[in-house]
């Protein structure tokens, strides 16, 4: 029962001829309870509508599954994804994003943007080059690197090239191609769990 609402006991009344005695205080109590129920129902419905709007247009809570973004993001990390970030701007190199898997858009992945539209990407023995400039990727530990080759390939207009930070354990643009901007859900803004490793990206 909501705080501040008291249950008022109704004393037993002797029956009256033709039926049951109606007590004014009991009727008032029923009206009060009804008003409380209506008020709480409106509050819950409003909260549901606001939550739906926030998840649809503003932000989304997500959980990492797998190790493809390790060590930056670990399995079961909890994230807040900013869905407004790219409504007013474009994804940039280095952004960590949540995206729909191009082969099966019912699934979503978290990856890092490596190259933007019209960039040329190539990988030589695991070293990534963007427009012939070696990518600074100190966030990838030596044991997480691979020795694959890729490209060169030009990123189409309106598309992005993404990689996982765990290069030798990631399914990404090397395997299923570029990602259209419309498939990018938002920017990973915060890791809020586990608390000791919480950070803003």
N, C-alpha and C. Protein backbone atom coordinates (compact mmCIF):
# COMPACT_ATOMS: atom_id res chain seq x y z
N UNK A 1 0.85 -1.19 0.00
CA UNK A 1 0.00 0.00 0.00
C UNK A 1 0.89 1.24 0.00
N UNK A 2 0.62 2.26 -0.81
CA UNK A 2 1.47 3.45 -0.88
C UNK A 2 1.57 4.13 0.48
N UNK A 3 2.75 4.70 0.76
CA UNK A 3 2.97 5.39 2.02
C UNK A 3 1.98 6.54 2.17
N UNK A 4 1.46 6.69 3.39
CA UNK A 4 0.53 7.79 3.65
C UNK A 4 -0.91 7.40 3.48
N UNK A 5 -1.19 6.19 3.03
CA UNK A 5 -2.56 5.73 2.87
C UNK A 5 -2.88 4.80 4.03
N UNK A 6 -3.85 5.14 4.83
CA UNK A 6 -4.20 4.34 6.00
C UNK A 6 -5.42 3.49 5.71
N UNK A 7 -5.46 2.31 6.34
CA UNK A 7 -6.64 1.45 6.25
C UNK A 7 -7.53 1.76 7.44
N UNK A 8 -8.69 2.25 7.20
CA UNK A 8 -9.59 2.63 8.28
C UNK A 8 -10.58 1.51 8.53
N UNK A 9 -10.57 0.87 9.74
CA UNK A 9 -11.53 -0.21 10.00
C UNK A 9 -12.95 0.34 10.10
N UNK A 10 -13.90 -0.40 9.56
CA UNK A 10 -15.31 -0.02 9.60
C UNK A 10 -15.98 -0.84 10.69
N UNK A 11 -16.58 -0.18 11.73
CA UNK A 11 -17.21 -0.93 12.82
C UNK A 11 -18.40 -1.71 12.32
N UNK A 12 -18.66 -2.84 12.99
CA UNK A 12 -19.81 -3.67 12.65
C UNK A 12 -21.09 -2.91 12.94
N UNK A 13 -22.03 -2.97 12.03
CA UNK A 13 -23.31 -2.27 12.20
C UNK A 13 -24.43 -3.29 12.22
N UNK A 14 -25.45 -2.97 12.98
CA UNK A 14 -26.62 -3.85 13.00
C UNK A 14 -27.35 -3.74 11.67
N UNK A 15 -27.82 -4.88 11.14
CA UNK A 15 -28.53 -4.83 9.86
C UNK A 15 -29.82 -4.05 9.98
N UNK A 16 -30.22 -3.40 8.91
CA UNK A 16 -31.47 -2.66 8.88
C UNK A 16 -32.46 -3.44 8.05
N UNK A 17 -33.70 -3.12 8.23
CA UNK A 17 -34.74 -3.85 7.52
C UNK A 17 -34.57 -3.70 6.01
N UNK A 18 -34.61 -4.83 5.32
CA UNK A 18 -34.55 -4.80 3.86
C UNK A 18 -33.15 -4.88 3.32
N UNK A 19 -32.12 -4.99 4.17
CA UNK A 19 -30.77 -5.12 3.60
C UNK A 19 -29.68 -4.80 4.59
N UNK A 20 -28.57 -4.25 4.09
CA UNK A 20 -27.40 -3.97 4.91
C UNK A 20 -27.26 -2.48 5.07
N UNK A 21 -26.92 -2.06 6.28
CA UNK A 21 -26.74 -0.63 6.53
C UNK A 21 -25.53 -0.13 5.75
N UNK A 22 -25.68 0.95 5.04
CA UNK A 22 -24.57 1.54 4.28
C UNK A 22 -23.89 2.58 5.15
N UNK A 23 -22.58 2.47 5.22
CA UNK A 23 -21.83 3.37 6.08
C UNK A 23 -21.14 4.42 5.22
N UNK A 24 -21.29 5.67 5.51
CA UNK A 24 -20.71 6.76 4.72
C UNK A 24 -19.21 6.71 4.70
N UNK A 25 -18.63 6.35 5.86
CA UNK A 25 -17.17 6.29 5.90
C UNK A 25 -16.63 5.18 5.00
N UNK A 26 -17.34 4.05 4.91
CA UNK A 26 -16.90 2.98 4.02
C UNK A 26 -16.92 3.40 2.57
N UNK A 27 -17.96 4.14 2.19
CA UNK A 27 -18.02 4.63 0.81
C UNK A 27 -16.89 5.58 0.50
N UNK A 28 -16.57 6.45 1.46
CA UNK A 28 -15.46 7.39 1.27
C UNK A 28 -14.13 6.65 1.13
N UNK A 29 -13.97 5.57 1.91
CA UNK A 29 -12.74 4.80 1.84
C UNK A 29 -12.59 4.14 0.47
N UNK A 30 -13.70 3.58 -0.05
CA UNK A 30 -13.65 2.97 -1.38
C UNK A 30 -13.28 3.98 -2.45
N UNK A 31 -13.83 5.18 -2.33
CA UNK A 31 -13.49 6.24 -3.30
C UNK A 31 -12.01 6.60 -3.21
N UNK A 32 -11.50 6.65 -1.97
CA UNK A 32 -10.09 6.99 -1.78
C UNK A 32 -9.19 5.92 -2.38
N UNK A 33 -9.54 4.65 -2.14
CA UNK A 33 -8.75 3.55 -2.69
C UNK A 33 -8.80 3.58 -4.22
N UNK A 34 -9.99 3.83 -4.77
CA UNK A 34 -10.12 3.89 -6.22
C UNK A 34 -9.25 5.00 -6.80
N UNK A 35 -9.27 6.16 -6.15
CA UNK A 35 -8.45 7.29 -6.63
C UNK A 35 -6.96 6.96 -6.57
N UNK A 36 -6.57 6.24 -5.49
CA UNK A 36 -5.16 5.85 -5.37
C UNK A 36 -4.77 4.89 -6.50
N UNK A 37 -5.62 3.92 -6.79
CA UNK A 37 -5.35 2.96 -7.85
C UNK A 37 -5.24 3.65 -9.20
N UNK A 38 -6.16 4.58 -9.47
CA UNK A 38 -6.13 5.33 -10.73
C UNK A 38 -4.84 6.13 -10.84
N UNK A 39 -4.44 6.78 -9.73
CA UNK A 39 -3.23 7.61 -9.74
C UNK A 39 -2.00 6.75 -10.01
N UNK A 40 -1.91 5.59 -9.33
CA UNK A 40 -0.76 4.71 -9.53
C UNK A 40 -0.75 4.14 -10.95
N UNK A 41 -1.90 3.82 -11.48
CA UNK A 41 -1.98 3.30 -12.85
C UNK A 41 -1.47 4.32 -13.85
N UNK A 42 -1.90 5.58 -13.66
CA UNK A 42 -1.42 6.64 -14.56
C UNK A 42 0.09 6.81 -14.46
N UNK A 43 0.61 6.74 -13.23
CA UNK A 43 2.05 6.90 -13.03
C UNK A 43 2.83 5.79 -13.73
N UNK A 44 2.37 4.55 -13.56
CA UNK A 44 3.05 3.41 -14.17
C UNK A 44 2.98 3.47 -15.70
N UNK A 45 1.83 3.85 -16.24
CA UNK A 45 1.70 3.97 -17.69
C UNK A 45 2.61 5.06 -18.23
N UNK A 46 2.67 6.19 -17.52
CA UNK A 46 3.55 7.29 -17.95
C UNK A 46 5.01 6.84 -17.93
N UNK A 47 5.40 6.12 -16.86
CA UNK A 47 6.78 5.64 -16.76
C UNK A 47 7.09 4.69 -17.91
N UNK A 48 6.14 3.82 -18.26
CA UNK A 48 6.36 2.88 -19.37
C UNK A 48 6.54 3.62 -20.69
N UNK A 49 5.72 4.66 -20.90
CA UNK A 49 5.83 5.44 -22.13
C UNK A 49 7.17 6.15 -22.20
N UNK A 50 7.58 6.78 -21.08
CA UNK A 50 8.87 7.48 -21.06
C UNK A 50 10.02 6.52 -21.28
N UNK A 51 9.95 5.34 -20.64
CA UNK A 51 11.02 4.35 -20.81
C UNK A 51 11.11 3.90 -22.27
N UNK A 52 9.96 3.69 -22.90
CA UNK A 52 9.95 3.28 -24.30
C UNK A 52 10.57 4.36 -25.19
N UNK A 53 10.23 5.61 -24.93
CA UNK A 53 10.78 6.71 -25.73
C UNK A 53 12.29 6.81 -25.54
N UNK A 54 12.75 6.63 -24.29
CA UNK A 54 14.19 6.73 -24.02
C UNK A 54 14.93 5.62 -24.74
N UNK A 55 14.44 4.37 -24.62
CA UNK A 55 15.12 3.24 -25.25
C UNK A 55 15.08 3.37 -26.77
N UNK A 56 13.99 3.91 -27.31
CA UNK A 56 13.84 4.00 -28.76
C UNK A 56 14.69 5.12 -29.35
N UNK A 57 14.75 6.26 -28.68
CA UNK A 57 15.36 7.44 -29.30
C UNK A 57 16.60 7.99 -28.58
N UNK A 58 16.79 7.71 -27.31
CA UNK A 58 17.83 8.41 -26.55
C UNK A 58 18.99 7.49 -26.17
N UNK A 59 18.73 6.46 -25.41
CA UNK A 59 19.80 5.60 -24.90
C UNK A 59 19.30 4.18 -24.72
N UNK A 60 20.26 3.26 -24.66
CA UNK A 60 19.91 1.86 -24.49
C UNK A 60 20.96 1.21 -23.60
N UNK A 61 20.51 0.36 -22.71
CA UNK A 61 21.42 -0.42 -21.89
C UNK A 61 21.70 -1.73 -22.62
N UNK A 62 22.97 -2.11 -22.71
CA UNK A 62 23.35 -3.32 -23.44
C UNK A 62 24.34 -4.13 -22.62
N UNK A 63 24.39 -5.42 -22.90
CA UNK A 63 25.33 -6.32 -22.24
C UNK A 63 26.25 -6.93 -23.29
N UNK A 64 27.54 -6.92 -23.00
CA UNK A 64 28.53 -7.50 -23.91
C UNK A 64 28.48 -9.02 -23.77
N UNK A 65 28.43 -9.70 -24.91
CA UNK A 65 28.50 -11.16 -24.92
C UNK A 65 29.65 -11.57 -25.81
N UNK A 66 30.66 -12.19 -25.23
CA UNK A 66 31.82 -12.62 -25.99
C UNK A 66 33.04 -11.75 -25.71
N UNK A 67 34.15 -12.11 -26.36
CA UNK A 67 35.45 -11.48 -26.09
C UNK A 67 36.00 -10.70 -27.28
N UNK A 68 35.19 -10.43 -28.30
CA UNK A 68 35.74 -9.83 -29.52
C UNK A 68 36.23 -8.39 -29.32
N UNK A 69 35.79 -7.73 -28.22
CA UNK A 69 36.26 -6.37 -27.96
C UNK A 69 37.23 -6.31 -26.78
N UNK A 70 37.66 -7.48 -26.30
CA UNK A 70 38.64 -7.50 -25.21
C UNK A 70 39.98 -6.94 -25.70
N UNK A 71 40.75 -6.30 -24.82
CA UNK A 71 40.49 -6.09 -23.40
C UNK A 71 39.70 -4.82 -23.10
N UNK A 72 39.34 -4.05 -24.13
CA UNK A 72 38.60 -2.81 -23.89
C UNK A 72 37.27 -3.09 -23.21
N UNK A 73 36.54 -4.06 -23.75
CA UNK A 73 35.27 -4.50 -23.17
C UNK A 73 35.34 -6.00 -22.96
N UNK A 74 34.89 -6.43 -21.78
CA UNK A 74 34.94 -7.85 -21.44
C UNK A 74 33.54 -8.46 -21.49
N UNK A 75 33.51 -9.78 -21.57
CA UNK A 75 32.25 -10.51 -21.57
C UNK A 75 31.42 -10.14 -20.34
N UNK A 76 30.15 -9.84 -20.55
CA UNK A 76 29.17 -9.50 -19.52
C UNK A 76 29.30 -8.06 -18.99
N UNK A 77 30.17 -7.24 -19.57
CA UNK A 77 30.17 -5.81 -19.22
C UNK A 77 28.81 -5.22 -19.57
N UNK A 78 28.38 -4.24 -18.76
CA UNK A 78 27.12 -3.53 -19.04
C UNK A 78 27.44 -2.14 -19.56
N UNK A 79 26.73 -1.75 -20.63
CA UNK A 79 27.03 -0.50 -21.32
C UNK A 79 25.80 0.38 -21.42
N UNK A 80 26.05 1.67 -21.58
CA UNK A 80 25.00 2.60 -21.98
C UNK A 80 25.36 3.11 -23.37
N UNK A 81 24.44 2.90 -24.30
CA UNK A 81 24.66 3.29 -25.70
C UNK A 81 23.88 4.56 -26.00
N UNK A 82 24.59 5.58 -26.46
CA UNK A 82 23.99 6.87 -26.79
C UNK A 82 23.41 6.81 -28.21
N UNK A 83 22.08 6.76 -28.31
CA UNK A 83 21.44 6.62 -29.62
C UNK A 83 21.21 7.96 -30.31
N UNK A 84 21.48 9.06 -29.60
CA UNK A 84 21.35 10.39 -30.20
C UNK A 84 22.64 10.85 -30.86
N UNK A 85 23.75 10.20 -30.51
CA UNK A 85 25.07 10.69 -30.94
C UNK A 85 25.16 10.90 -32.44
N UNK A 86 24.59 9.99 -33.22
CA UNK A 86 24.76 10.07 -34.67
C UNK A 86 23.53 10.62 -35.38
N UNK A 87 22.57 11.11 -34.61
CA UNK A 87 21.46 11.85 -35.23
C UNK A 87 21.91 13.26 -35.59
N UNK A 88 22.93 13.74 -34.89
CA UNK A 88 23.41 15.11 -35.10
C UNK A 88 24.84 15.15 -35.60
N UNK A 89 25.41 13.99 -35.88
CA UNK A 89 26.78 13.94 -36.36
C UNK A 89 27.06 12.57 -36.94
N UNK A 90 28.26 12.38 -37.43
CA UNK A 90 28.64 11.12 -38.06
C UNK A 90 29.60 10.34 -37.16
N UNK A 91 29.58 9.02 -37.27
CA UNK A 91 30.57 8.21 -36.56
C UNK A 91 31.98 8.60 -36.99
N UNK A 92 32.91 8.49 -36.05
CA UNK A 92 34.30 8.85 -36.32
C UNK A 92 35.22 7.67 -36.04
N UNK A 93 36.38 7.70 -36.67
CA UNK A 93 37.37 6.66 -36.41
C UNK A 93 37.66 6.59 -34.92
N UNK A 94 37.71 5.38 -34.43
CA UNK A 94 37.99 5.18 -33.01
C UNK A 94 36.76 5.04 -32.14
N UNK A 95 35.60 5.46 -32.64
CA UNK A 95 34.36 5.31 -31.86
C UNK A 95 34.04 3.84 -31.67
N UNK A 96 33.61 3.49 -30.46
CA UNK A 96 33.08 2.15 -30.21
C UNK A 96 31.58 2.24 -30.36
N UNK A 97 31.03 1.39 -31.21
CA UNK A 97 29.61 1.52 -31.56
C UNK A 97 28.88 0.19 -31.39
N UNK A 98 27.58 0.32 -31.18
CA UNK A 98 26.69 -0.83 -31.23
C UNK A 98 26.03 -0.81 -32.60
N UNK A 99 26.00 -1.96 -33.27
CA UNK A 99 25.49 -2.00 -34.64
C UNK A 99 24.70 -3.27 -34.89
N UNK A 100 23.83 -3.20 -35.90
CA UNK A 100 23.14 -4.41 -36.34
C UNK A 100 24.09 -5.22 -37.21
N UNK A 101 24.11 -6.52 -36.99
CA UNK A 101 24.92 -7.43 -37.78
C UNK A 101 24.40 -7.42 -39.22
N UNK A 102 25.20 -6.98 -40.18
CA UNK A 102 24.71 -6.82 -41.55
C UNK A 102 24.11 -8.09 -42.17
N UNK A 103 24.62 -9.25 -41.80
CA UNK A 103 24.11 -10.49 -42.38
C UNK A 103 22.78 -10.89 -41.74
N UNK A 104 22.61 -10.56 -40.48
CA UNK A 104 21.37 -10.87 -39.76
C UNK A 104 21.05 -9.73 -38.81
N UNK A 105 20.30 -8.72 -39.29
CA UNK A 105 20.06 -7.51 -38.49
C UNK A 105 19.27 -7.74 -37.19
N UNK A 106 18.80 -8.97 -36.97
CA UNK A 106 18.16 -9.24 -35.69
C UNK A 106 19.18 -9.36 -34.56
N UNK A 107 20.46 -9.52 -34.94
CA UNK A 107 21.53 -9.58 -33.95
C UNK A 107 22.25 -8.24 -33.91
N UNK A 108 22.87 -7.93 -32.78
CA UNK A 108 23.65 -6.69 -32.67
C UNK A 108 25.04 -7.00 -32.11
N UNK A 109 26.02 -6.23 -32.59
CA UNK A 109 27.41 -6.39 -32.19
C UNK A 109 27.93 -5.07 -31.64
N UNK A 110 29.05 -5.16 -30.93
CA UNK A 110 29.81 -3.97 -30.52
C UNK A 110 31.18 -4.06 -31.18
N UNK A 111 31.55 -3.02 -31.93
CA UNK A 111 32.83 -2.98 -32.64
C UNK A 111 33.40 -1.57 -32.59
N UNK A 112 34.63 -1.44 -33.09
CA UNK A 112 35.27 -0.13 -33.17
C UNK A 112 35.36 0.31 -34.63
N UNK A 113 35.00 1.56 -34.88
CA UNK A 113 35.11 2.10 -36.24
C UNK A 113 36.58 2.37 -36.55
N UNK A 114 37.03 1.81 -37.65
CA UNK A 114 38.43 1.95 -38.07
C UNK A 114 38.57 2.92 -39.23
N UNK A 115 37.60 2.88 -40.15
CA UNK A 115 37.67 3.74 -41.33
C UNK A 115 36.29 4.24 -41.72
N UNK A 116 36.26 5.46 -42.24
CA UNK A 116 35.01 6.10 -42.65
C UNK A 116 34.86 6.02 -44.17
N UNK A 117 33.75 6.56 -44.66
CA UNK A 117 33.48 6.52 -46.09
C UNK A 117 34.61 7.19 -46.87
N UNK A 118 34.94 6.58 -48.00
CA UNK A 118 35.99 7.03 -48.92
C UNK A 118 37.42 6.79 -48.42
N UNK A 119 37.57 6.25 -47.22
CA UNK A 119 38.91 5.85 -46.76
C UNK A 119 39.33 4.57 -47.47
N UNK A 120 40.64 4.39 -47.60
CA UNK A 120 41.19 3.15 -48.13
C UNK A 120 41.81 2.35 -46.99
N UNK A 121 41.36 1.11 -46.85
CA UNK A 121 41.83 0.26 -45.76
C UNK A 121 42.62 -0.91 -46.33
N UNK A 122 43.74 -1.20 -45.71
CA UNK A 122 44.45 -2.44 -46.02
C UNK A 122 45.11 -2.93 -44.73
N UNK A 123 45.31 -4.24 -44.69
CA UNK A 123 45.95 -4.86 -43.53
C UNK A 123 47.07 -5.74 -44.06
N UNK A 124 48.26 -5.53 -43.52
CA UNK A 124 49.44 -6.30 -43.93
C UNK A 124 50.04 -6.95 -42.70
N UNK A 125 50.01 -8.27 -42.66
CA UNK A 125 50.54 -9.03 -41.53
C UNK A 125 49.99 -8.51 -40.19
N UNK A 126 48.69 -8.17 -40.21
CA UNK A 126 48.03 -7.73 -38.99
C UNK A 126 48.10 -6.22 -38.73
N UNK A 127 48.99 -5.52 -39.44
CA UNK A 127 49.08 -4.07 -39.27
C UNK A 127 48.04 -3.38 -40.15
N UNK A 128 47.20 -2.55 -39.51
CA UNK A 128 46.13 -1.87 -40.23
C UNK A 128 46.64 -0.53 -40.75
N UNK A 129 46.32 -0.25 -42.01
CA UNK A 129 46.64 1.04 -42.62
C UNK A 129 45.34 1.68 -43.09
N UNK A 130 45.18 2.97 -42.80
CA UNK A 130 44.05 3.75 -43.29
C UNK A 130 44.62 4.88 -44.11
N UNK A 131 44.32 4.89 -45.41
CA UNK A 131 44.90 5.87 -46.34
C UNK A 131 46.42 5.84 -46.29
N UNK A 132 46.96 4.61 -46.20
CA UNK A 132 48.41 4.34 -46.19
C UNK A 132 49.11 4.83 -44.93
N UNK A 133 48.36 5.20 -43.92
CA UNK A 133 48.94 5.62 -42.63
C UNK A 133 48.71 4.50 -41.62
N UNK A 134 49.77 4.01 -40.96
CA UNK A 134 49.58 2.94 -39.97
C UNK A 134 48.63 3.39 -38.85
N UNK A 135 47.69 2.53 -38.53
CA UNK A 135 46.72 2.84 -37.48
C UNK A 135 47.39 2.75 -36.11
N UNK A 136 47.18 3.77 -35.29
CA UNK A 136 47.67 3.72 -33.90
C UNK A 136 46.65 2.94 -33.07
N UNK A 137 46.99 1.72 -32.76
CA UNK A 137 46.06 0.86 -32.04
C UNK A 137 46.75 0.22 -30.82
N UNK A 138 47.27 1.09 -29.97
CA UNK A 138 47.95 0.61 -28.77
C UNK A 138 47.01 -0.13 -27.83
N UNK A 139 45.70 0.02 -28.05
CA UNK A 139 44.71 -0.65 -27.20
C UNK A 139 44.63 -2.15 -27.50
N UNK A 140 45.34 -2.60 -28.55
CA UNK A 140 45.36 -4.02 -28.89
C UNK A 140 46.66 -4.64 -28.36
N UNK A 141 46.59 -5.49 -27.34
CA UNK A 141 47.80 -6.13 -26.82
C UNK A 141 48.42 -7.07 -27.86
N UNK A 142 49.72 -7.30 -27.79
CA UNK A 142 50.39 -8.16 -28.77
C UNK A 142 49.74 -9.54 -28.90
N UNK A 143 49.30 -10.11 -27.80
CA UNK A 143 48.73 -11.46 -27.85
C UNK A 143 47.34 -11.49 -28.49
N UNK A 144 46.74 -10.30 -28.69
CA UNK A 144 45.41 -10.23 -29.31
C UNK A 144 45.49 -9.90 -30.80
N UNK A 145 46.70 -9.70 -31.31
CA UNK A 145 46.87 -9.37 -32.72
C UNK A 145 46.86 -10.62 -33.58
N UNK A 146 46.59 -10.41 -34.87
CA UNK A 146 46.69 -11.53 -35.81
C UNK A 146 47.72 -11.16 -36.87
N UNK A 147 47.86 -12.01 -37.87
CA UNK A 147 48.84 -11.75 -38.94
C UNK A 147 48.18 -11.87 -40.30
N UNK A 148 46.90 -11.50 -40.36
CA UNK A 148 46.15 -11.60 -41.60
C UNK A 148 46.44 -10.43 -42.53
N UNK A 149 46.11 -10.64 -43.79
CA UNK A 149 46.18 -9.58 -44.80
C UNK A 149 44.76 -9.27 -45.28
N UNK A 150 44.55 -8.03 -45.69
CA UNK A 150 43.23 -7.62 -46.19
C UNK A 150 43.41 -6.43 -47.12
N UNK A 151 42.60 -6.40 -48.19
CA UNK A 151 42.58 -5.23 -49.05
C UNK A 151 43.79 -5.09 -49.96
N UNK A 152 43.98 -3.86 -50.44
CA UNK A 152 43.27 -2.62 -50.07
C UNK A 152 41.84 -2.57 -50.59
N UNK A 153 41.00 -1.85 -49.83
CA UNK A 153 39.61 -1.71 -50.19
C UNK A 153 39.13 -0.31 -49.79
N UNK A 154 38.38 0.32 -50.70
CA UNK A 154 37.84 1.66 -50.42
C UNK A 154 36.47 1.51 -49.76
N UNK A 155 36.26 2.25 -48.67
CA UNK A 155 34.98 2.22 -47.97
C UNK A 155 33.96 3.02 -48.77
N UNK A 156 32.84 2.39 -49.08
CA UNK A 156 31.81 3.06 -49.87
C UNK A 156 31.21 4.24 -49.10
N UNK A 157 30.63 5.16 -49.85
CA UNK A 157 29.96 6.30 -49.23
C UNK A 157 28.78 5.80 -48.41
N UNK A 158 28.67 6.31 -47.17
CA UNK A 158 27.59 5.90 -46.28
C UNK A 158 27.87 4.63 -45.52
N UNK A 159 29.11 4.11 -45.62
CA UNK A 159 29.48 2.86 -44.95
C UNK A 159 30.69 3.08 -44.05
N UNK A 160 30.95 2.08 -43.18
CA UNK A 160 32.07 2.14 -42.25
C UNK A 160 32.73 0.77 -42.15
N UNK A 161 34.04 0.80 -41.91
CA UNK A 161 34.81 -0.41 -41.71
C UNK A 161 35.06 -0.57 -40.22
N UNK A 162 34.67 -1.71 -39.65
CA UNK A 162 34.78 -1.91 -38.20
C UNK A 162 35.62 -3.15 -37.89
N UNK A 163 36.28 -3.11 -36.74
CA UNK A 163 37.04 -4.25 -36.26
C UNK A 163 36.76 -4.44 -34.77
N UNK A 164 36.96 -5.67 -34.31
CA UNK A 164 36.98 -5.91 -32.87
C UNK A 164 38.40 -5.69 -32.36
N UNK A 165 38.53 -5.27 -31.11
CA UNK A 165 39.87 -5.03 -30.55
C UNK A 165 40.65 -6.33 -30.36
N UNK A 166 39.92 -7.44 -30.17
CA UNK A 166 40.57 -8.76 -30.07
C UNK A 166 40.69 -9.31 -31.48
N UNK A 167 41.71 -8.85 -32.18
CA UNK A 167 41.81 -9.06 -33.64
C UNK A 167 41.79 -10.54 -34.04
N UNK A 168 42.37 -11.42 -33.21
CA UNK A 168 42.40 -12.82 -33.62
C UNK A 168 41.21 -13.61 -33.08
N UNK A 169 40.20 -12.87 -32.56
CA UNK A 169 38.99 -13.55 -32.08
C UNK A 169 37.77 -12.67 -32.33
N UNK A 170 37.70 -12.09 -33.53
CA UNK A 170 36.60 -11.17 -33.83
C UNK A 170 36.07 -11.40 -35.24
N UNK A 171 34.75 -11.47 -35.33
CA UNK A 171 34.07 -11.46 -36.63
C UNK A 171 33.69 -10.02 -36.93
N UNK A 172 34.21 -9.47 -38.03
CA UNK A 172 34.03 -8.04 -38.28
C UNK A 172 34.07 -7.75 -39.78
N UNK A 173 34.40 -6.52 -40.14
CA UNK A 173 34.35 -6.12 -41.55
C UNK A 173 35.31 -6.91 -42.44
N UNK A 174 36.30 -7.55 -41.84
CA UNK A 174 37.19 -8.39 -42.64
C UNK A 174 36.46 -9.61 -43.18
N UNK A 175 35.38 -9.99 -42.47
CA UNK A 175 34.66 -11.22 -42.81
C UNK A 175 33.32 -10.95 -43.49
N UNK A 176 32.58 -9.92 -43.03
CA UNK A 176 31.25 -9.68 -43.60
C UNK A 176 31.07 -8.29 -44.19
N UNK A 177 32.17 -7.59 -44.42
CA UNK A 177 32.10 -6.36 -45.18
C UNK A 177 31.79 -5.10 -44.37
N UNK A 178 31.57 -4.03 -45.11
CA UNK A 178 31.33 -2.73 -44.50
C UNK A 178 29.94 -2.66 -43.86
N UNK A 179 29.79 -1.69 -42.95
CA UNK A 179 28.53 -1.51 -42.24
C UNK A 179 27.87 -0.22 -42.68
N UNK A 180 26.63 -0.27 -43.17
CA UNK A 180 25.94 0.98 -43.54
C UNK A 180 25.62 1.81 -42.29
N UNK A 181 25.63 3.11 -42.45
CA UNK A 181 25.37 3.98 -41.31
C UNK A 181 24.02 3.68 -40.67
N UNK A 182 23.02 3.31 -41.47
CA UNK A 182 21.70 3.06 -40.92
C UNK A 182 21.69 1.86 -39.98
N UNK A 183 22.73 1.03 -40.02
CA UNK A 183 22.82 -0.12 -39.13
C UNK A 183 23.56 0.20 -37.82
N UNK A 184 24.07 1.41 -37.71
CA UNK A 184 24.77 1.79 -36.48
C UNK A 184 23.74 2.33 -35.49
N UNK A 185 23.56 1.60 -34.40
CA UNK A 185 22.52 1.93 -33.42
C UNK A 185 22.92 3.15 -32.59
N UNK A 186 24.16 3.22 -32.20
CA UNK A 186 24.59 4.35 -31.38
C UNK A 186 26.02 4.17 -30.90
N UNK A 187 26.48 5.15 -30.17
CA UNK A 187 27.85 5.16 -29.66
C UNK A 187 27.89 4.61 -28.23
N UNK A 188 28.81 3.71 -27.99
CA UNK A 188 28.99 3.21 -26.62
C UNK A 188 29.59 4.35 -25.81
N UNK A 189 28.81 4.83 -24.84
CA UNK A 189 29.20 6.01 -24.08
C UNK A 189 29.79 5.69 -22.72
N UNK A 190 29.21 4.68 -22.06
CA UNK A 190 29.61 4.38 -20.68
C UNK A 190 29.63 2.87 -20.45
N UNK A 191 30.66 2.41 -19.74
CA UNK A 191 30.59 1.07 -19.14
C UNK A 191 30.30 1.30 -17.66
N UNK A 192 29.14 0.84 -17.21
CA UNK A 192 28.75 1.09 -15.82
C UNK A 192 28.86 -0.15 -14.93
N UNK A 193 29.11 -1.30 -15.55
CA UNK A 193 29.30 -2.51 -14.75
C UNK A 193 30.32 -3.40 -15.43
N UNK A 194 31.24 -3.97 -14.64
CA UNK A 194 31.37 -3.89 -13.19
C UNK A 194 31.83 -2.52 -12.72
N UNK A 195 31.36 -2.13 -11.55
CA UNK A 195 31.61 -0.78 -11.04
C UNK A 195 33.09 -0.43 -10.95
N UNK A 196 33.97 -1.34 -10.49
CA UNK A 196 35.40 -0.97 -10.38
C UNK A 196 36.02 -0.57 -11.71
N UNK A 197 35.50 -1.07 -12.82
CA UNK A 197 36.07 -0.72 -14.13
C UNK A 197 35.15 0.20 -14.94
N UNK A 198 34.22 0.87 -14.26
CA UNK A 198 33.31 1.80 -14.95
C UNK A 198 34.14 2.93 -15.58
N UNK A 199 33.71 3.35 -16.78
CA UNK A 199 34.40 4.44 -17.45
C UNK A 199 33.53 5.04 -18.55
N UNK A 200 33.91 6.24 -18.95
CA UNK A 200 33.25 6.93 -20.07
C UNK A 200 34.16 6.82 -21.28
N UNK A 201 33.58 6.51 -22.44
CA UNK A 201 34.37 6.38 -23.68
C UNK A 201 34.26 7.65 -24.51
